[in-house]
Structures are given as structure tokens and as C-alpha cells.
């Protein structure tokens, strides 16, 4: 076995844009190695705030990162799926230092819907207790930013500069940009595109199970579940003391429920659309293609949110 094994392709984001589904589908391919642990975030090297240390899981050192890839040298394609790599300014450079010929896969969704999906996940997991509009503006205005420090609701959807960074380092031909809407509507065609990009056999795609969408929105069964999920002690039990598969099963099977996604607050939608309108135009110019899939929320009728967060003390400035 080689002394060091570095992935030769990276699924880099964006958050809540289908990376888990893409990762799970590609793990079924016999020529692809993706470790059982998704999102090591090794090249981001997060420095979480004290408040979020128990919420952010990552691999901090090269020895543990290499451990994830034991036995991977028999596979032609070895991957890492960490959505923080798209946002993190240093991640692209760090990846390039160890794997300059790597191929980069980016998957995007409407940035307004992406921010809201992330918020709903954070709310369900007890990381946020504010209504969306308030949480959004508070996070946008806070001076300290970073993976595991702030939520980065707006920043994670500012795609154009993030993609340009990878194109500059690796070359346009080594950066594949996909869309969540395509993955949902025609997953086999998207995977055939990925297979061509990774230069692997497209044949096994025909036998893959592609019916399930992974990491889709589900609601907590009660307020107690949200506070349990956000608690430092219960997080430690679920992430460290229990086998990971058990913790995941308990969370998905017993603590969450299928529930319709609540409507987005009109003020929050307007705030995000104003920021993202020129951003999407810039991305269309960069990729030299129209991207109506990134404006889906622009066509929805604005509605007042039905989502009620717990009442907490209001603050006029970010803390």
C-alpha cells in the first residue's frame, strides 16, 4: 500500500445542495472509494467557537485523515465529500498542494433556498432558536465569521468567486458544476456526466439505487428534541459513546418526523434575493450558461412564514 493516499477528486459543496445524495450514489460505484465518514473537512481546518465545538465534527490532522483511506489504493477514483471546501478560501490551495491534478465536483442550488434549508437544519438540530429573518440578519452582521463560528447563511451561497478560485487553481476542465434540480429530476443522467468527468465506467450506474434523496428536510418531533440535539452532553453521547450508526438511526427513526417545509418569511426572501441577484448573473457569465435553476425562489409567491421559533429576548445588534 502507498505510504500516503490523497483523494484524486473532491465533492466540494455547496451546503444543503445534494452533496449527501451524490456521495451516497457514488459510493455504490465499484471504481470509486469514498470513506464511510462523509465531511471530514480536513482541508478547511475549522476552528469552531466554544459555543459550536460540540456541533462541528472534523478531522484535524493528516494521520487521522489518511486513516480514512486505508485500502483505497486499489480504486482508480478516491474521493472526499466536504461542502466546507467550496466556501473556505484556503481549502482550494491546500487541496492543490497535495493533489494538483485532482478533479473538483461542485453541486449548487438556488442560493435563497439553500440558505433557508440550512437554517431549517440548524433549527431542527438546536443550533439556532431565532426566526429565520432575525437569524439571517444577525449572522450577516456579525464581525466574526468562519466554519463553526458563524452560520454563514449568506456567504455559503456566494458561488461565483468560490468556483472561480477552483477554476484558477485546477483549470476549467477539472471543475464540474452540477445542479441539485438536475440531480433530483434525472439522477442517472447526472451520474453519467460524473462518470465521464471522472473517467470511470458508466455501466454500473444502471444498477444503482437512486430513488432516495438523502438529508432531506425533516422536523423535530418536539421542542425537547431540538434542545436535546443542541445539548453538549447529548451530542457527546450520540457522536462519541454510541456507535455512529446507532446514533444516526435513533435520530432519524425516533426523533424526526416527515413534515412539510414551512413557508419562508417574505422579508428574509427579499433580503436574500437582493444580495443574490447580481451574484447569479456573475455566475452565469463565469460558466457561460443560463442558470434559471438558481432563481426558482424568485418565482414563488411571497408568503408570511408559518414557522414559529421560540420567543427569546430581542436584540438590536449582533452579539
Protein backbone atom coordinates (compact mmCIF):
# COMPACT_ATOMS: atom_id res chain seq x y z
CA UNK A 1 0.00 0.00 0.00
CA UNK A 2 1.23 3.50 -0.75
CA UNK A 3 2.63 5.42 2.19
CA UNK A 4 0.22 8.34 1.66
CA UNK A 5 -3.08 8.31 -0.15
CA UNK A 6 -4.72 11.59 -1.09
CA UNK A 7 -8.09 11.77 -2.82
CA UNK A 8 -7.99 12.50 -6.53
CA UNK A 9 -11.48 14.02 -6.64
CA UNK A 10 -13.39 16.27 -4.26
CA UNK A 11 -17.11 16.96 -3.90
CA UNK A 12 -16.86 20.48 -2.51
CA UNK A 13 -20.37 21.79 -2.00
CA UNK A 14 -22.46 23.76 -1.52
CA UNK A 15 -24.09 23.04 1.85
CA UNK A 16 -27.65 21.63 1.57
CA UNK A 17 -27.31 21.24 -2.20
CA UNK A 18 -27.28 17.47 -2.66
CA UNK A 19 -23.75 16.53 -1.64
CA UNK A 20 -25.00 13.72 0.62
CA UNK A 21 -27.08 12.18 -2.17
CA UNK A 22 -24.22 12.45 -4.66
CA UNK A 23 -21.79 10.96 -2.14
CA UNK A 24 -24.15 8.06 -1.36
CA UNK A 25 -24.80 7.32 -5.02
CA UNK A 26 -21.10 7.34 -5.96
CA UNK A 27 -20.23 5.02 -3.07
CA UNK A 28 -22.19 2.34 -4.95
CA UNK A 29 -19.75 2.50 -7.89
CA UNK A 30 -17.10 -0.27 -7.81
CA UNK A 31 -14.38 2.03 -9.13
CA UNK A 32 -14.94 4.76 -6.54
CA UNK A 33 -13.69 4.88 -2.97
CA UNK A 34 -15.38 7.33 -0.63
CA UNK A 35 -14.79 6.79 3.09
CA UNK A 36 -17.62 5.83 5.40
CA UNK A 37 -17.22 9.18 7.08
CA UNK A 38 -18.59 11.97 4.91
CA UNK A 39 -17.40 15.53 5.52
CA UNK A 40 -14.00 15.22 7.21
CA UNK A 41 -13.43 18.95 6.48
CA UNK A 42 -9.70 18.28 6.75
CA UNK A 43 -8.64 20.94 4.24
CA UNK A 44 -10.82 23.57 5.88
CA UNK A 45 -9.12 23.12 9.26
CA UNK A 46 -12.04 24.64 11.21
CA UNK A 47 -11.54 26.49 14.45
CA UNK A 48 -15.01 26.34 15.99
CA UNK A 49 -16.12 28.79 18.62
CA UNK A 50 -16.60 27.46 22.13
CA UNK A 51 -20.37 27.54 21.60
CA UNK A 52 -20.16 25.35 18.49
CA UNK A 53 -17.31 22.98 19.34
CA UNK A 54 -19.73 20.17 20.16
CA UNK A 55 -21.68 20.76 16.91
CA UNK A 56 -18.77 20.67 14.44
CA UNK A 57 -17.12 17.34 13.59
CA UNK A 58 -13.95 17.30 11.54
CA UNK A 59 -10.60 15.56 11.08
CA UNK A 60 -7.83 17.81 12.32
CA UNK A 61 -4.58 16.04 11.45
CA UNK A 62 -3.10 14.23 8.45
CA UNK A 63 -2.63 10.92 10.28
CA UNK A 64 -6.32 10.57 11.06
CA UNK A 65 -7.25 11.79 7.58
CA UNK A 66 -5.01 9.16 5.97
CA UNK A 67 -6.65 6.56 8.22
CA UNK A 68 -9.92 7.19 6.38
CA UNK A 69 -8.33 5.95 3.15
CA UNK A 70 -6.88 2.63 4.25
CA UNK A 71 -7.30 0.20 1.35
CA UNK A 72 -8.26 2.91 -1.12
CA UNK A 73 -5.18 2.45 -3.32
CA UNK A 74 -6.98 -0.36 -5.23
CA UNK A 75 -9.55 2.13 -6.58
CA UNK A 76 -8.95 4.39 -9.58
CA UNK A 77 -11.06 7.19 -8.06
CA UNK A 78 -10.68 8.22 -4.43
CA UNK A 79 -12.90 10.98 -3.10
CA UNK A 80 -13.60 13.38 -0.26
CA UNK A 81 -17.04 14.99 0.09
CA UNK A 82 -16.83 18.08 2.33
CA UNK A 83 -19.08 21.05 1.47
CA UNK A 84 -16.97 23.46 3.52
CA UNK A 85 -14.26 23.26 0.84
CA UNK A 86 -16.25 25.40 -1.57
CA UNK A 87 -16.55 28.32 0.84
CA UNK A 88 -13.19 28.11 2.62
CA UNK A 89 -10.65 30.40 0.87
CA UNK A 90 -7.70 28.25 1.97
CA UNK A 91 -9.16 24.81 1.20
CA UNK A 92 -8.65 25.00 -2.56
CA UNK A 93 -4.99 25.92 -2.13
CA UNK A 94 -4.43 23.16 0.44
CA UNK A 95 -6.02 20.56 -1.83
CA UNK A 96 -3.92 21.77 -4.76
CA UNK A 97 -0.73 21.37 -2.73
CA UNK A 98 -1.27 17.62 -2.24
CA UNK A 99 -3.33 16.80 -5.35
CA UNK A 100 -2.71 19.35 -8.13
CA UNK A 101 -4.32 17.07 -10.73
CA UNK A 102 -7.47 16.44 -8.69
CA UNK A 103 -10.92 16.79 -10.19
CA UNK A 104 -13.43 19.02 -8.45
CA UNK A 105 -17.20 18.46 -8.37
CA UNK A 106 -19.42 21.36 -7.32
CA UNK A 107 -23.16 20.99 -6.82
CA UNK A 108 -25.35 24.07 -6.38
CA UNK A 109 -28.95 25.04 -5.73
CA UNK A 110 -30.93 28.26 -5.66
CA UNK A 111 -28.93 30.23 -3.06
CA UNK A 112 -32.07 31.60 -1.38
CA UNK A 113 -33.50 28.12 -0.92
CA UNK A 114 -30.06 26.85 0.11
CA UNK A 115 -29.82 29.39 2.95
CA UNK A 116 -33.32 28.53 4.15
CA UNK A 117 -32.65 24.78 4.00
CA UNK A 118 -29.53 25.28 6.09
CA UNK A 119 -31.48 27.35 8.61
CA UNK A 120 -34.18 24.66 8.91
CA UNK A 121 -31.46 22.07 9.56
CA UNK A 122 -29.82 24.30 12.17
CA UNK A 123 -33.19 24.98 13.81
CA UNK A 124 -34.10 21.29 13.92
CA UNK A 125 -30.71 20.40 15.41
CA UNK A 126 -30.98 23.05 18.12
CA UNK A 127 -28.12 25.21 16.84
CA UNK A 128 -30.43 28.20 16.21
CA UNK A 129 -33.55 29.31 18.09
CA UNK A 130 -34.37 32.57 16.27
CA UNK A 131 -36.88 33.05 13.44
CA UNK A 132 -35.23 32.91 10.01
CA UNK A 133 -35.22 36.63 9.19
CA UNK A 134 -33.69 37.51 12.54
CA UNK A 135 -31.13 34.70 12.43
CA UNK A 136 -30.18 35.67 8.88
CA UNK A 137 -29.54 39.34 9.59
CA UNK A 138 -27.80 38.63 12.87
CA UNK A 139 -25.40 36.22 11.18
CA UNK A 140 -24.82 38.57 8.24
CA UNK A 141 -23.93 41.48 10.51
CA UNK A 142 -21.70 39.71 13.00
CA UNK A 143 -17.99 40.60 12.69
CA UNK A 144 -16.58 37.13 13.38
CA UNK A 145 -17.03 34.68 10.52
CA UNK A 146 -15.90 31.14 9.97
CA UNK A 147 -16.88 27.48 9.65
CA UNK A 148 -18.11 26.57 13.12
CA UNK A 149 -18.04 30.19 14.25
CA UNK A 150 -20.98 31.72 12.38
CA UNK A 151 -23.66 30.06 10.25
CA UNK A 152 -22.54 31.79 7.01
CA UNK A 153 -26.10 31.72 5.67
CA UNK A 154 -25.37 34.35 3.01
CA UNK A 155 -21.70 33.65 2.37
CA UNK A 156 -22.16 29.96 1.54
CA UNK A 157 -24.37 30.96 -1.39
CA UNK A 158 -21.94 33.43 -2.96
CA UNK A 159 -20.86 30.89 -5.53
CA UNK A 160 -19.12 32.78 -8.31
CA UNK A 161 -15.87 33.70 -6.56
CA UNK A 162 -15.72 30.31 -4.87
CA UNK A 163 -15.93 28.46 -8.19
CA UNK A 164 -13.54 30.90 -9.88
CA UNK A 165 -10.98 30.06 -7.18
CA UNK A 166 -11.05 26.36 -8.13
CA UNK A 167 -11.05 27.05 -11.86
CA UNK A 168 -7.98 29.24 -11.48
CA UNK A 169 -6.05 26.64 -9.50
CA UNK A 170 -7.12 23.42 -11.21
CA UNK A 171 -8.27 24.62 -14.66
CA UNK A 172 -11.80 24.92 -16.00
CA UNK A 173 -11.71 21.40 -17.47
CA UNK A 174 -11.13 19.92 -13.99
CA UNK A 175 -14.08 21.64 -12.32
CA UNK A 176 -17.53 20.14 -12.95
CA UNK A 177 -20.54 22.21 -11.85
CA UNK A 178 -23.79 20.33 -11.24
CA UNK A 179 -27.24 21.49 -10.13
CA UNK A 180 -29.41 19.95 -7.42
CA UNK A 181 -32.51 20.29 -9.59
CA UNK A 182 -30.92 18.08 -12.25
CA UNK A 183 -29.84 15.51 -9.65
CA UNK A 184 -33.41 15.31 -8.33
CA UNK A 185 -35.08 15.08 -11.74
CA UNK A 186 -32.60 12.97 -13.71
CA UNK A 187 -30.07 11.37 -11.35
CA UNK A 188 -28.84 8.72 -13.80
CA UNK A 189 -28.02 11.30 -16.45
CA UNK A 190 -26.17 13.41 -13.88
CA UNK A 191 -24.20 10.37 -12.70
CA UNK A 192 -23.32 9.51 -16.30
CA UNK A 193 -21.92 13.03 -16.62
CA UNK A 194 -19.95 12.50 -13.41
CA UNK A 195 -18.66 9.13 -14.65
CA UNK A 196 -17.42 10.72 -17.86
CA UNK A 197 -15.78 13.52 -15.88
CA UNK A 198 -14.07 11.05 -13.51
CA UNK A 199 -13.21 8.69 -16.38
CA UNK A 200 -14.88 5.67 -14.82
CA UNK A 201 -17.19 3.04 -16.30
CA UNK A 202 -20.78 4.36 -16.60
CA UNK A 203 -22.15 0.81 -16.77
CA UNK A 204 -22.70 0.25 -13.01
CA UNK A 205 -24.97 3.32 -12.85
CA UNK A 206 -27.81 1.29 -14.37
CA UNK A 207 -27.91 -0.96 -11.30
CA UNK A 208 -27.65 1.76 -8.65
CA UNK A 209 -30.41 2.59 -6.20
CA UNK A 210 -31.12 6.25 -6.93
CA UNK A 211 -34.68 6.52 -5.65
CA UNK A 212 -33.93 8.01 -2.25
CA UNK A 213 -32.98 11.64 -1.66
CA UNK A 214 -30.64 11.89 1.31
CA UNK A 215 -30.52 14.54 4.03
CA UNK A 216 -33.91 15.95 3.00
CA UNK A 217 -35.87 18.22 5.35
CA UNK A 218 -37.48 16.62 8.38
CA UNK A 219 -38.80 18.29 11.52
CA UNK A 220 -38.11 17.56 15.17
CA UNK A 221 -40.89 15.72 16.98
CA UNK A 222 -41.00 18.41 19.63
CA UNK A 223 -39.16 21.34 21.16
CA UNK A 224 -37.47 18.92 23.56
CA UNK A 225 -35.84 17.14 20.60
CA UNK A 226 -34.30 20.39 19.39
CA UNK A 227 -32.84 21.20 22.76
CA UNK A 228 -31.63 17.62 23.18
CA UNK A 229 -29.92 17.78 19.78
CA UNK A 230 -28.19 21.04 20.63
CA UNK A 231 -27.07 19.96 24.09
CA UNK A 232 -23.35 19.35 24.60
CA UNK A 233 -23.81 16.19 26.68
CA UNK A 234 -26.34 14.50 24.41
CA UNK A 235 -24.18 15.37 21.39
CA UNK A 236 -21.21 13.69 23.06
CA UNK A 237 -23.26 10.57 23.75
CA UNK A 238 -24.62 10.43 20.21
CA UNK A 239 -21.34 11.18 18.43
CA UNK A 240 -18.77 9.51 20.67
CA UNK A 241 -20.19 6.97 23.10
CA UNK A 242 -22.72 5.32 20.79
CA UNK A 243 -21.73 3.63 17.52
CA UNK A 244 -22.32 6.26 14.85
CA UNK A 245 -24.84 4.08 13.01
CA UNK A 246 -26.89 3.76 16.21
CA UNK A 247 -26.91 7.49 16.86
CA UNK A 248 -27.94 8.18 13.29
CA UNK A 249 -30.71 5.57 13.42
CA UNK A 250 -32.14 6.91 16.69
CA UNK A 251 -32.06 10.48 15.35
CA UNK A 252 -33.68 9.64 12.03
CA UNK A 253 -36.14 6.99 13.19
CA UNK A 254 -37.33 8.19 16.57
CA UNK A 255 -36.60 11.90 16.93
CA UNK A 256 -37.52 13.30 13.50
CA UNK A 257 -40.73 13.22 11.51
CA UNK A 258 -41.71 13.90 7.91
CA UNK A 259 -43.32 17.28 7.81
CA UNK A 260 -43.98 19.85 5.11
CA UNK A 261 -41.39 22.60 4.87
CA UNK A 262 -42.75 25.83 6.37
CA UNK A 263 -43.03 28.89 4.14
CA UNK A 264 -40.09 31.26 4.04
CA UNK A 265 -40.51 34.66 5.62
CA UNK A 266 -41.15 37.34 2.96
CA UNK A 267 -38.66 39.80 4.46
CA UNK A 268 -35.94 37.16 4.53
CA UNK A 269 -36.64 36.17 0.94
CA UNK A 270 -36.44 39.78 -0.25
CA UNK A 271 -33.25 40.37 1.69
CA UNK A 272 -31.56 37.33 0.12
CA UNK A 273 -32.80 37.96 -3.39
CA UNK A 274 -31.39 41.48 -3.33
CA UNK A 275 -27.97 40.09 -2.43
CA UNK A 276 -28.03 37.14 -4.78
CA UNK A 277 -29.48 38.66 -7.96
CA UNK A 278 -26.13 40.09 -9.15
CA UNK A 279 -24.35 37.03 -7.77
CA UNK A 280 -26.30 34.65 -10.03
CA UNK A 281 -25.68 36.91 -13.00
CA UNK A 282 -21.96 36.84 -12.27
CA UNK A 283 -22.01 33.06 -12.07
CA UNK A 284 -23.85 32.80 -15.40
CA UNK A 285 -21.12 34.88 -17.01
CA UNK A 286 -18.41 32.76 -15.41
CA UNK A 287 -19.94 29.46 -16.52
CA UNK A 288 -21.19 30.88 -19.85
CA UNK A 289 -24.66 29.36 -19.43
CA UNK A 290 -28.08 30.45 -18.17
CA UNK A 291 -28.97 29.22 -14.69
CA UNK A 292 -32.73 29.56 -14.18
CA UNK A 293 -32.49 26.70 -11.64
CA UNK A 294 -30.75 29.13 -9.29
CA UNK A 295 -33.70 31.54 -9.42
CA UNK A 296 -36.54 29.18 -8.54
CA UNK A 297 -37.42 31.10 -5.38
CA UNK A 298 -37.86 34.29 -7.41
CA UNK A 299 -40.97 32.76 -8.99
CA UNK A 300 -42.66 31.68 -5.78
CA UNK A 301 -45.48 33.82 -4.44
CA UNK A 302 -44.25 35.54 -1.26
CA UNK A 303 -45.91 34.29 1.89
CA UNK A 304 -45.61 35.07 5.54
CA UNK A 305 -43.84 32.33 7.43
CA UNK A 306 -45.88 29.79 9.33
CA UNK A 307 -42.74 28.77 11.18
CA UNK A 308 -42.71 29.98 14.78
CA UNK A 309 -39.45 29.91 16.68
CA UNK A 310 -39.41 30.04 20.47
CA UNK A 311 -39.79 33.55 21.86
CA UNK A 312 -36.47 34.90 23.11
CA UNK A 313 -35.13 38.29 24.04
CA UNK A 314 -34.73 40.52 21.01
CA UNK A 315 -31.50 42.39 20.37
CA UNK A 316 -30.95 45.35 18.10
CA UNK A 317 -27.33 44.49 17.35
CA UNK A 318 -25.46 41.23 16.77
CA UNK A 319 -23.84 39.57 19.74
